[in-house]
């Protein structure tokens, strides 16, 4: 199974967040959603998790 990555550096933010989260897709969606709510003050919703899932990239080998 290919590991996925969510990287805050790919999105503009007021805090210039540099967090990168990698793991299995469901783990990353869950952790990135919690991060988006607690740090970036997004509202938790199915739409947020869908946006996160759509933005995931495959982790590069050796990363």
PDB file of N, CA and C in Angstrom:
ATOM      1  N   UNK A   1       0.842  -1.182   0.000  1.00  0.00           N
ATOM      2  CA  UNK A   1       0.000   0.000   0.000  1.00  0.00           C
ATOM      3  C   UNK A   1       0.886   1.245   0.000  1.00  0.00           C
ATOM      4  N   UNK A   2       0.549   2.206  -0.845  1.00  0.00           N
ATOM      5  CA  UNK A   2       1.307   3.442  -0.948  1.00  0.00           C
ATOM      6  C   UNK A   2       0.952   4.375   0.194  1.00  0.00           C
ATOM      7  N   UNK A   3       1.985   4.868   0.868  1.00  0.00           N
ATOM      8  CA  UNK A   3       1.759   5.851   1.924  1.00  0.00           C
ATOM      9  C   UNK A   3       1.407   7.189   1.294  1.00  0.00           C
ATOM     10  N   UNK A   4       0.604   7.973   2.000  1.00  0.00           N
ATOM     11  CA  UNK A   4       0.147   9.274   1.527  1.00  0.00           C
ATOM     12  C   UNK A   4       0.745  10.383   2.389  1.00  0.00           C
ATOM     13  N   UNK A   5       0.801  11.587   1.816  1.00  0.00           N
ATOM     14  CA  UNK A   5       1.357  12.741   2.498  1.00  0.00           C
ATOM     15  C   UNK A   5       0.403  13.921   2.381  1.00  0.00           C
ATOM     16  N   UNK A   6       0.175  14.597   3.500  1.00  0.00           N
ATOM     17  CA  UNK A   6      -0.505  15.886   3.525  1.00  0.00           C
ATOM     18  C   UNK A   6       0.542  16.889   4.000  1.00  0.00           C
ATOM     19  N   UNK A   7       0.762  17.954   3.241  1.00  0.00           N
ATOM     20  CA  UNK A   7       1.823  18.907   3.552  1.00  0.00           C
ATOM     21  C   UNK A   7       1.257  20.319   3.561  1.00  0.00           C
ATOM     22  N   UNK A   8       1.285  20.955   4.718  1.00  0.00           N
ATOM     23  CA  UNK A   8       0.743  22.307   4.851  1.00  0.00           C
ATOM     24  C   UNK A   8       1.501  23.317   3.999  1.00  0.00           C
ATOM     25  N   UNK A   9       2.726  23.025   3.636  1.00  0.00           N
ATOM     26  CA  UNK A   9       3.506  23.970   2.826  1.00  0.00           C
ATOM     27  C   UNK A   9       2.889  24.151   1.441  1.00  0.00           C
ATOM     28  N   UNK A  10       2.004  23.240   1.030  1.00  0.00           N
ATOM     29  CA  UNK A  10       1.361  23.347  -0.282  1.00  0.00           C
ATOM     30  C   UNK A  10       0.179  24.312  -0.285  1.00  0.00           C
ATOM     31  N   UNK A  11      -0.156  24.868   0.877  1.00  0.00           N
ATOM     32  CA  UNK A  11      -1.319  25.741   0.987  1.00  0.00           C
ATOM     33  C   UNK A  11      -0.942  27.003   1.751  1.00  0.00           C
ATOM     34  N   UNK A  12      -1.378  28.152   1.282  1.00  0.00           N
ATOM     35  CA  UNK A  12      -1.079  29.384   2.009  1.00  0.00           C
ATOM     36  C   UNK A  12      -1.779  29.394   3.360  1.00  0.00           C
ATOM     37  N   UNK A  13      -1.089  29.911   4.359  1.00  0.00           N
ATOM     38  CA  UNK A  13      -1.710  30.033   5.681  1.00  0.00           C
ATOM     39  C   UNK A  13      -1.130  31.252   6.390  1.00  0.00           C
ATOM     40  N   UNK A  14      -1.879  31.759   7.335  1.00  0.00           N
ATOM     41  CA  UNK A  14      -1.435  32.918   8.103  1.00  0.00           C
ATOM     42  C   UNK A  14      -0.217  32.602   8.958  1.00  0.00           C
ATOM     43  N   UNK A  15      -0.047  31.334   9.309  1.00  0.00           N
ATOM     44  CA  UNK A  15       1.041  30.946  10.207  1.00  0.00           C
ATOM     45  C   UNK A  15       2.251  30.388   9.478  1.00  0.00           C
ATOM     46  N   UNK A  16       2.200  30.314   8.134  1.00  0.00           N
ATOM     47  CA  UNK A  16       3.287  29.705   7.360  1.00  0.00           C
ATOM     48  C   UNK A  16       3.632  28.321   7.900  1.00  0.00           C
ATOM     49  N   UNK A  17       2.613  27.532   8.129  1.00  0.00           N
ATOM     50  CA  UNK A  17       2.751  26.193   8.704  1.00  0.00           C
ATOM     51  C   UNK A  17       3.593  25.306   7.790  1.00  0.00           C
ATOM     52  N   UNK A  18       4.470  24.509   8.392  1.00  0.00           N
ATOM     53  CA  UNK A  18       5.349  23.619   7.630  1.00  0.00           C
ATOM     54  C   UNK A  18       5.120  22.152   7.961  1.00  0.00           C
ATOM     55  N   UNK A  19       4.017  21.841   8.645  1.00  0.00           N
ATOM     56  CA  UNK A  19       3.759  20.466   9.050  1.00  0.00           C
ATOM     57  C   UNK A  19       3.515  19.564   7.848  1.00  0.00           C
ATOM     58  N   UNK A  20       4.101  18.385   7.891  1.00  0.00           N
ATOM     59  CA  UNK A  20       3.877  17.349   6.886  1.00  0.00           C
ATOM     60  C   UNK A  20       3.485  16.078   7.638  1.00  0.00           C
ATOM     61  N   UNK A  21       2.418  15.436   7.184  1.00  0.00           N
ATOM     62  CA  UNK A  21       1.902  14.236   7.836  1.00  0.00           C
ATOM     63  C   UNK A  21       1.920  13.112   6.818  1.00  0.00           C
ATOM     64  N   UNK A  22       2.486  11.956   7.172  1.00  0.00           N
ATOM     65  CA  UNK A  22       2.498  10.831   6.240  1.00  0.00           C
ATOM     66  C   UNK A  22       2.065   9.558   6.939  1.00  0.00           C
ATOM     67  N   UNK A  23       1.494   8.660   6.163  1.00  0.00           N
ATOM     68  CA  UNK A  23       1.038   7.381   6.678  1.00  0.00           C
ATOM     69  C   UNK A  23       0.015   6.791   5.727  1.00  0.00           C
ATOM     70  N   UNK A  24      -0.736   5.829   6.219  1.00  0.00           N
ATOM     71  CA  UNK A  24      -1.806   5.264   5.409  1.00  0.00           C
ATOM     72  C   UNK A  24      -2.899   6.315   5.246  1.00  0.00           C
ATOM     73  N   UNK A  25      -3.602   6.258   4.148  1.00  0.00           N
ATOM     74  CA  UNK A  25      -4.544   7.319   3.775  1.00  0.00           C
ATOM     75  C   UNK A  25      -5.503   7.705   4.897  1.00  0.00           C
ATOM     76  N   UNK A  26      -6.150   6.749   5.513  1.00  0.00           N
ATOM     77  CA  UNK A  26      -7.131   7.081   6.557  1.00  0.00           C
ATOM     78  C   UNK A  26      -6.471   7.746   7.757  1.00  0.00           C
ATOM     79  N   UNK A  27      -5.259   7.312   8.105  1.00  0.00           N
ATOM     80  CA  UNK A  27      -4.524   7.935   9.214  1.00  0.00           C
ATOM     81  C   UNK A  27      -4.221   9.394   8.902  1.00  0.00           C
ATOM     82  N   UNK A  28      -3.785   9.646   7.684  1.00  0.00           N
ATOM     83  CA  UNK A  28      -3.406  10.998   7.291  1.00  0.00           C
ATOM     84  C   UNK A  28      -4.630  11.904   7.236  1.00  0.00           C
ATOM     85  N   UNK A  29      -5.715  11.434   6.681  1.00  0.00           N
ATOM     86  CA  UNK A  29      -6.938  12.241   6.617  1.00  0.00           C
ATOM     87  C   UNK A  29      -7.397  12.599   8.028  1.00  0.00           C
ATOM     88  N   UNK A  30      -7.382  11.638   8.924  1.00  0.00           N
ATOM     89  CA  UNK A  30      -7.811  11.889  10.308  1.00  0.00           C
ATOM     90  C   UNK A  30      -6.889  12.902  10.995  1.00  0.00           C
ATOM     91  N   UNK A  31      -5.576  12.686  10.911  1.00  0.00           N
ATOM     92  CA  UNK A  31      -4.619  13.565  11.584  1.00  0.00           C
ATOM     93  C   UNK A  31      -4.608  14.961  10.948  1.00  0.00           C
ATOM     94  N   UNK A  32      -4.667  15.029   9.639  1.00  0.00           N
ATOM     95  CA  UNK A  32      -4.673  16.324   8.962  1.00  0.00           C
ATOM     96  C   UNK A  32      -5.959  17.087   9.267  1.00  0.00           C
ATOM     97  N   UNK A  33      -7.065  16.379   9.386  1.00  0.00           N
ATOM     98  CA  UNK A  33      -8.326  17.022   9.757  1.00  0.00           C
ATOM     99  C   UNK A  33      -8.255  17.610  11.155  1.00  0.00           C
ATOM    100  N   UNK A  34      -7.715  16.848  12.088  1.00  0.00           N
ATOM    101  CA  UNK A  34      -7.565  17.344  13.460  1.00  0.00           C
ATOM    102  C   UNK A  34      -6.637  18.556  13.492  1.00  0.00           C
ATOM    103  N   UNK A  35      -5.565  18.506  12.718  1.00  0.00           N
ATOM    104  CA  UNK A  35      -4.631  19.624  12.638  1.00  0.00           C
ATOM    105  C   UNK A  35      -5.307  20.853  12.027  1.00  0.00           C
ATOM    106  N   UNK A  36      -6.058  20.662  10.954  1.00  0.00           N
ATOM    107  CA  UNK A  36      -6.735  21.781  10.293  1.00  0.00           C
ATOM    108  C   UNK A  36      -7.711  22.481  11.237  1.00  0.00           C
ATOM    109  N   UNK A  37      -8.381  21.707  12.064  1.00  0.00           N
ATOM    110  CA  UNK A  37      -9.347  22.277  13.010  1.00  0.00           C
ATOM    111  C   UNK A  37      -8.636  22.976  14.169  1.00  0.00           C
ATOM    112  N   UNK A  38      -7.658  22.303  14.770  1.00  0.00           N
ATOM    113  CA  UNK A  38      -7.033  22.848  15.978  1.00  0.00           C
ATOM    114  C   UNK A  38      -6.039  23.971  15.699  1.00  0.00           C
ATOM    115  N   UNK A  39      -5.352  23.931  14.569  1.00  0.00           N
ATOM    116  CA  UNK A  39      -4.327  24.934  14.287  1.00  0.00           C
ATOM    117  C   UNK A  39      -4.818  26.002  13.310  1.00  0.00           C
ATOM    118  N   UNK A  40      -5.487  25.574  12.255  1.00  0.00           N
ATOM    119  CA  UNK A  40      -5.891  26.507  11.206  1.00  0.00           C
ATOM    120  C   UNK A  40      -7.333  26.984  11.352  1.00  0.00           C
ATOM    121  N   UNK A  41      -7.998  26.506  12.384  1.00  0.00           N
ATOM    122  CA  UNK A  41      -9.351  26.963  12.743  1.00  0.00           C
ATOM    123  C   UNK A  41     -10.405  26.689  11.667  1.00  0.00           C
ATOM    124  N   UNK A  42     -10.196  25.610  10.902  1.00  0.00           N
ATOM    125  CA  UNK A  42     -11.223  25.180   9.964  1.00  0.00           C
ATOM    126  C   UNK A  42     -12.325  24.478  10.752  1.00  0.00           C
ATOM    127  N   UNK A  43     -13.511  24.430  10.196  1.00  0.00           N
ATOM    128  CA  UNK A  43     -14.607  23.709  10.820  1.00  0.00           C
ATOM    129  C   UNK A  43     -14.560  22.256  10.350  1.00  0.00           C
ATOM    130  N   UNK A  44     -14.647  21.333  11.297  1.00  0.00           N
ATOM    131  CA  UNK A  44     -14.632  19.906  10.950  1.00  0.00           C
ATOM    132  C   UNK A  44     -15.918  19.569  10.217  1.00  0.00           C
ATOM    133  N   UNK A  45     -15.754  18.943   9.063  1.00  0.00           N
ATOM    134  CA  UNK A  45     -16.923  18.580   8.258  1.00  0.00           C
ATOM    135  C   UNK A  45     -16.513  17.507   7.264  1.00  0.00           C
ATOM    136  N   UNK A  46     -17.482  16.798   6.711  1.00  0.00           N
ATOM    137  CA  UNK A  46     -17.172  15.837   5.651  1.00  0.00           C
ATOM    138  C   UNK A  46     -16.497  16.516   4.451  1.00  0.00           C
ATOM    139  N   UNK A  47     -16.882  17.757   4.174  1.00  0.00           N
ATOM    140  CA  UNK A  47     -16.283  18.484   3.051  1.00  0.00           C
ATOM    141  C   UNK A  47     -14.800  18.750   3.302  1.00  0.00           C
ATOM    142  N   UNK A  48     -14.443  19.094   4.542  1.00  0.00           N
ATOM    143  CA  UNK A  48     -13.033  19.315   4.880  1.00  0.00           C
ATOM    144  C   UNK A  48     -12.240  18.043   4.651  1.00  0.00           C
ATOM    145  N   UNK A  49     -12.743  16.937   5.130  1.00  0.00           N
ATOM    146  CA  UNK A  49     -12.027  15.667   4.959  1.00  0.00           C
ATOM    147  C   UNK A  49     -11.939  15.271   3.487  1.00  0.00           C
ATOM    148  N   UNK A  50     -12.951  15.602   2.706  1.00  0.00           N
ATOM    149  CA  UNK A  50     -12.921  15.335   1.263  1.00  0.00           C
ATOM    150  C   UNK A  50     -11.843  16.188   0.590  1.00  0.00           C
ATOM    151  N   UNK A  51     -11.732  17.445   0.987  1.00  0.00           N
ATOM    152  CA  UNK A  51     -10.701  18.326   0.440  1.00  0.00           C
ATOM    153  C   UNK A  51      -9.306  17.820   0.808  1.00  0.00           C
ATOM    154  N   UNK A  52      -9.154  17.374   2.043  1.00  0.00           N
ATOM    155  CA  UNK A  52      -7.864  16.832   2.478  1.00  0.00           C
ATOM    156  C   UNK A  52      -7.524  15.600   1.654  1.00  0.00           C
ATOM    157  N   UNK A  53      -8.472  14.700   1.531  1.00  0.00           N
ATOM    158  CA  UNK A  53      -8.240  13.461   0.771  1.00  0.00           C
ATOM    159  C   UNK A  53      -7.832  13.778  -0.676  1.00  0.00           C
ATOM    160  N   UNK A  54      -8.479  14.757  -1.283  1.00  0.00           N
ATOM    161  CA  UNK A  54      -8.175  15.137  -2.658  1.00  0.00           C
ATOM    162  C   UNK A  54      -6.783  15.746  -2.805  1.00  0.00           C
ATOM    163  N   UNK A  55      -6.268  16.332  -1.721  1.00  0.00           N
ATOM    164  CA  UNK A  55      -4.975  17.009  -1.794  1.00  0.00           C
ATOM    165  C   UNK A  55      -3.803  16.068  -1.474  1.00  0.00           C
ATOM    166  N   UNK A  56      -4.076  14.851  -1.044  1.00  0.00           N
ATOM    167  CA  UNK A  56      -2.997  13.941  -0.665  1.00  0.00           C
ATOM    168  C   UNK A  56      -2.139  13.576  -1.865  1.00  0.00           C
ATOM    169  N   UNK A  57      -0.866  13.411  -1.578  1.00  0.00           N
ATOM    170  CA  UNK A  57       0.091  12.966  -2.596  1.00  0.00           C
ATOM    171  C   UNK A  57       0.716  11.668  -2.138  1.00  0.00           C
ATOM    172  N   UNK A  58       1.223  10.892  -3.082  1.00  0.00           N
ATOM    173  CA  UNK A  58       1.959   9.681  -2.722  1.00  0.00           C
ATOM    174  C   UNK A  58       3.287  10.067  -2.103  1.00  0.00           C
ATOM    175  N   UNK A  59       3.674   9.340  -1.068  1.00  0.00           N
ATOM    176  CA  UNK A  59       4.975   9.592  -0.446  1.00  0.00           C
ATOM    177  C   UNK A  59       6.070   9.099  -1.387  1.00  0.00           C
ATOM    178  N   UNK A  60       7.095   9.896  -1.529  1.00  0.00           N
ATOM    179  CA  UNK A  60       8.226   9.511  -2.383  1.00  0.00           C
ATOM    180  C   UNK A  60       9.103   8.508  -1.658  1.00  0.00           C
ATOM    181  N   UNK A  61       9.589   7.513  -2.358  1.00  0.00           N
ATOM    182  CA  UNK A  61      10.459   6.481  -1.760  1.00  0.00           C
ATOM    183  C   UNK A  61      11.683   7.151  -1.155  1.00  0.00           C
ATOM    184  N   UNK A  62      12.013   6.731   0.061  1.00  0.00           N
ATOM    185  CA  UNK A  62      13.179   7.248   0.748  1.00  0.00           C
ATOM    186  C   UNK A  62      12.933   8.566   1.454  1.00  0.00           C
ATOM    187  N   UNK A  63      11.685   9.050   1.421  1.00  0.00           N
ATOM    188  CA  UNK A  63      11.377  10.335   2.060  1.00  0.00           C
ATOM    189  C   UNK A  63      11.136  10.152   3.531  1.00  0.00           C
TER     190      UNK A  63
END
